[in-house]
Amino acid sequence: MLCLIVGSTSYWKERTIGALTFVRGPGEYCSLFILLICLACPACSKRVEYGDPTATETLTIDFGSTDLQMIAEKMVQSLLSSPSVQEGNRPVILVSGVGNKTDEHIDTKAITDKIRTTLVRSGAVRFIADEVREEVMRELRYQTDSGFVDPETRKRIGKLVGAGYLLAGEITSIRKKAGRETDLYFKITLNLVELETGLIRWAEEKEIRKGQKRPVIGW
């Protein structure tokens, strides 16, 4: 049996409800009522719901999933229509990254990953797997030097494909507040740089503006 003490200790009175024994003082009916509601009401527990990942996100004014998806869609469409890709030679690209010059934390790798995944699935562009390059080299050395790998299945060193282009860029923001209103502007720029010449062969930018107005009462 569980015993709960409610209210002051100037006067005690016991009451048993099911497996609970309440020890309370006079005039503590309100506290007892609230406690019973919290114990019995299932609505007090947290609920988890799944939603559409492509639905427009408007919970806050900060950078979110909708912004990421809009950026990726614009960049992919633009790059696929560029001369570097339209020539049909399936250019090999190394992702350098996107610099974050905003006033908030943004996972810029998530942006380039989304772009890279869509481009790879299109079949028109190839990418260097830079994240696992050291693992690839270590495995090649093992196959060549260990003596444990069948020569018929062993992969030769010196066959890695070199990148022809470097994909790099940056994202910036301007945030302004006036009274209860906030205006937030994002701009992301991506450049495709030809490694052999250092020339920018493709460039694109995406601009996003969002506004928010605080209520008169609340936060």
Protein backbone atom coordinates (compact mmCIF):
# COMPACT_ATOMS: atom_id res chain seq x y z
CA MET A 1 0.00 0.00 0.00
CA LEU A 2 1.25 3.50 -0.88
CA CYS A 3 0.85 6.31 1.65
CA LEU A 4 0.73 9.93 0.45
CA ILE A 5 0.85 12.92 2.82
CA VAL A 6 -1.07 15.95 1.57
CA GLY A 7 -1.23 19.38 3.22
CA SER A 8 -0.12 20.62 6.61
CA THR A 9 0.82 18.44 9.56
CA SER A 10 -1.27 20.32 12.14
CA TYR A 11 -4.03 17.75 11.98
CA TRP A 12 -4.05 14.31 10.35
CA LYS A 13 -6.84 12.27 8.90
CA GLU A 14 -6.49 9.07 6.89
CA ARG A 15 -8.55 7.98 3.94
CA THR A 16 -7.96 4.88 1.80
CA ILE A 17 -8.77 4.84 -1.92
CA GLY A 18 -7.92 1.55 -3.56
CA ALA A 19 -4.23 0.83 -2.94
CA LEU A 20 -3.52 4.42 -1.82
CA THR A 21 -3.80 5.76 1.71
CA PHE A 22 -3.96 9.56 1.93
CA VAL A 23 -2.98 11.31 5.14
CA ARG A 24 -4.25 14.88 5.00
CA GLY A 25 -5.12 17.87 7.10
CA PRO A 26 -8.38 19.81 7.07
CA GLY A 27 -9.18 21.96 4.08
CA GLU A 28 -6.92 20.04 1.68
CA TYR A 29 -9.64 18.69 -0.64
CA CYS A 30 -8.38 20.79 -3.57
CA SER A 31 -4.85 19.35 -3.38
CA LEU A 32 -6.22 15.82 -3.10
CA PHE A 33 -8.51 16.36 -6.09
CA ILE A 34 -5.67 17.65 -8.30
CA LEU A 35 -3.43 14.75 -7.32
CA LEU A 36 -6.12 12.21 -8.18
CA ILE A 37 -6.65 13.79 -11.60
CA CYS A 38 -2.91 13.66 -12.38
CA LEU A 39 -2.74 9.99 -11.39
CA ALA A 40 -5.82 8.93 -13.32
CA CYS A 41 -5.89 11.14 -16.40
CA PRO A 42 -4.19 9.49 -19.42
CA ALA A 43 -4.12 12.84 -21.23
CA CYS A 44 -1.34 13.97 -18.87
CA SER A 45 1.11 11.63 -20.66
CA LYS A 46 3.08 12.65 -23.77
CA ARG A 47 1.83 11.60 -27.20
CA VAL A 48 3.97 10.86 -30.26
CA GLU A 49 2.59 11.28 -33.76
CA TYR A 50 4.17 10.68 -37.17
CA GLY A 51 3.80 13.29 -39.88
CA ASP A 52 4.56 13.83 -43.54
CA PRO A 53 8.30 14.64 -43.87
CA THR A 54 7.55 16.74 -46.95
CA ALA A 55 4.88 18.84 -45.22
CA THR A 56 5.63 22.54 -44.81
CA GLU A 57 7.22 23.22 -41.41
CA THR A 58 6.14 26.44 -39.70
CA LEU A 59 6.80 25.76 -36.01
CA THR A 60 9.56 28.38 -35.80
CA ILE A 61 11.18 30.98 -38.03
CA ASP A 62 14.59 29.26 -37.86
CA PHE A 63 16.10 27.07 -40.59
CA GLY A 64 14.12 23.85 -40.92
CA SER A 65 13.35 20.81 -43.03
CA THR A 66 11.25 22.73 -45.57
CA ASP A 67 14.13 25.14 -46.20
CA LEU A 68 16.52 22.22 -46.72
CA GLN A 69 14.17 20.54 -49.19
CA MET A 70 13.58 23.77 -51.14
CA ILE A 71 17.32 24.39 -51.42
CA ALA A 72 18.09 20.84 -52.55
CA GLU A 73 15.34 20.88 -55.18
CA LYS A 74 16.52 24.19 -56.65
CA MET A 75 20.19 23.16 -56.76
CA VAL A 76 19.55 19.73 -58.28
CA GLN A 77 17.33 21.07 -61.05
CA SER A 78 19.81 23.81 -61.88
CA LEU A 79 22.87 21.55 -61.91
CA LEU A 80 21.19 18.88 -64.06
CA SER A 81 20.41 21.53 -66.68
CA SER A 82 23.95 23.00 -66.67
CA PRO A 83 26.34 22.47 -69.63
CA SER A 84 28.75 20.51 -67.42
CA VAL A 85 26.12 17.82 -66.98
CA GLN A 86 24.24 18.20 -70.26
CA GLU A 87 27.39 17.27 -72.20
CA GLY A 88 26.66 13.72 -71.11
CA ASN A 89 30.08 12.74 -69.75
CA ARG A 90 28.76 12.12 -66.20
CA PRO A 91 31.14 14.48 -64.34
CA VAL A 92 32.85 13.25 -61.18
CA ILE A 93 32.37 15.63 -58.25
CA LEU A 94 34.01 15.95 -54.85
CA VAL A 95 31.86 17.69 -52.21
CA SER A 96 33.93 20.24 -50.33
CA GLY A 97 31.15 21.46 -48.06
CA VAL A 98 29.04 24.53 -47.32
CA GLY A 99 30.26 27.19 -44.93
CA ASN A 100 27.74 28.37 -42.35
CA LYS A 101 27.77 32.16 -41.93
CA THR A 102 24.36 32.43 -40.29
CA ASP A 103 23.56 33.21 -36.65
CA GLU A 104 22.28 29.71 -35.91
CA HIS A 105 23.47 26.11 -36.06
CA ILE A 106 22.69 24.57 -39.44
CA ASP A 107 23.73 21.06 -40.44
CA THR A 108 25.10 22.03 -43.85
CA LYS A 109 26.19 18.43 -44.52
CA ALA A 110 22.52 17.46 -44.49
CA ILE A 111 22.01 19.92 -47.35
CA THR A 112 24.84 18.54 -49.51
CA ASP A 113 23.86 14.96 -48.66
CA LYS A 114 20.32 15.61 -49.91
CA ILE A 115 21.68 17.16 -53.12
CA ARG A 116 24.21 14.38 -53.67
CA THR A 117 21.67 11.60 -53.10
CA THR A 118 19.24 13.05 -55.64
CA LEU A 119 21.99 13.61 -58.23
CA VAL A 120 23.40 10.09 -57.83
CA ARG A 121 19.92 8.62 -58.27
CA SER A 122 19.54 10.61 -61.49
CA GLY A 123 22.52 8.74 -62.99
CA ALA A 124 23.82 11.93 -64.59
CA VAL A 125 26.52 12.72 -62.01
CA ARG A 126 29.10 10.70 -60.09
CA PHE A 127 30.57 11.56 -56.68
CA ILE A 128 33.79 10.70 -54.87
CA ALA A 129 33.12 8.87 -51.59
CA ASP A 130 35.41 11.16 -49.63
CA GLU A 131 34.02 10.10 -46.23
CA VAL A 132 35.31 6.54 -46.64
CA ARG A 133 38.45 7.23 -48.65
CA GLU A 134 40.80 6.16 -45.85
CA GLU A 135 38.86 2.92 -45.39
CA VAL A 136 39.02 2.23 -49.13
CA MET A 137 42.80 2.76 -49.17
CA ARG A 138 43.27 0.59 -46.09
CA GLU A 139 41.27 -2.25 -47.68
CA LEU A 140 43.22 -1.97 -50.93
CA ARG A 141 46.51 -2.22 -49.06
CA TYR A 142 45.22 -5.23 -47.14
CA GLN A 143 44.19 -7.02 -50.33
CA THR A 144 47.56 -6.27 -51.94
CA ASP A 145 49.96 -6.86 -49.04
CA SER A 146 48.37 -9.37 -46.66
CA GLY A 147 48.57 -12.45 -48.89
CA PHE A 148 45.17 -13.60 -47.61
CA VAL A 149 43.07 -12.43 -50.56
CA ASP A 150 42.49 -14.56 -53.65
CA PRO A 151 44.41 -12.92 -56.57
CA GLU A 152 41.39 -13.45 -58.82
CA THR A 153 39.22 -11.22 -56.60
CA ARG A 154 41.92 -8.83 -55.41
CA LYS A 155 41.43 -5.19 -56.48
CA ARG A 156 44.42 -3.36 -57.87
CA ILE A 157 45.84 -0.15 -56.43
CA GLY A 158 45.84 2.81 -58.80
CA LYS A 159 42.33 2.45 -60.22
CA LEU A 160 40.55 5.08 -58.11
CA VAL A 161 38.70 7.66 -60.19
CA GLY A 162 39.87 11.23 -59.82
CA ALA A 163 37.39 14.05 -59.30
CA GLY A 164 36.96 16.56 -62.09
CA TYR A 165 34.99 19.11 -60.11
CA LEU A 166 34.71 20.50 -56.59
CA LEU A 167 31.29 21.44 -55.15
CA ALA A 168 31.51 24.17 -52.51
CA GLY A 169 29.49 27.09 -51.20
CA GLU A 170 28.18 28.99 -48.19
CA ILE A 171 24.94 29.96 -46.51
CA THR A 172 24.32 33.38 -44.96
CA SER A 173 21.43 35.01 -43.15
CA ILE A 174 20.12 38.42 -42.13
CA ARG A 175 17.81 38.60 -39.11
CA LYS A 176 15.97 41.81 -38.22
CA LYS A 177 13.51 42.58 -35.42
CA ALA A 178 11.11 45.48 -35.01
CA GLY A 179 8.73 45.37 -32.08
CA ARG A 180 6.89 42.08 -32.17
CA GLU A 181 7.91 41.26 -35.75
CA THR A 182 10.96 39.29 -36.96
CA ASP A 183 12.19 39.06 -40.54
CA LEU A 184 14.70 36.31 -41.46
CA TYR A 185 16.46 36.10 -44.82
CA PHE A 186 18.60 33.14 -45.95
CA LYS A 187 20.79 32.86 -49.03
CA ILE A 188 22.78 29.80 -50.03
CA THR A 189 25.25 29.81 -52.93
CA LEU A 190 26.87 26.75 -54.52
CA ASN A 191 29.73 26.70 -57.04
CA LEU A 192 31.00 23.87 -59.22
CA VAL A 193 34.74 24.44 -59.69
CA GLU A 194 36.72 22.63 -62.38
CA LEU A 195 39.81 21.23 -60.67
CA GLU A 196 42.06 21.30 -63.73
CA THR A 197 41.50 24.98 -64.49
CA GLY A 198 40.13 26.42 -61.24
CA LEU A 199 37.22 27.93 -63.18
CA ILE A 200 33.66 28.06 -61.88
CA ARG A 201 31.65 26.05 -64.39
CA TRP A 202 28.28 26.34 -62.62
CA ALA A 203 26.86 28.56 -59.89
CA GLU A 204 23.43 28.81 -58.33
CA GLU A 205 21.80 30.47 -55.34
CA LYS A 206 18.56 30.05 -53.42
CA GLU A 207 16.95 32.83 -51.37
CA ILE A 208 14.42 32.28 -48.59
CA ARG A 209 12.57 34.92 -46.56
CA LYS A 210 10.37 34.18 -43.55
CA GLY A 211 8.47 36.42 -41.15
CA GLN A 212 7.14 35.92 -37.65
CA LYS A 213 4.95 38.03 -35.38
CA ARG A 214 4.80 37.47 -31.63
CA PRO A 215 1.38 37.56 -29.99
CA VAL A 216 0.54 40.46 -27.68
CA ILE A 217 0.31 38.03 -24.75
CA GLY A 218 2.72 35.12 -24.46
CA TRP A 219 6.06 34.26 -26.04
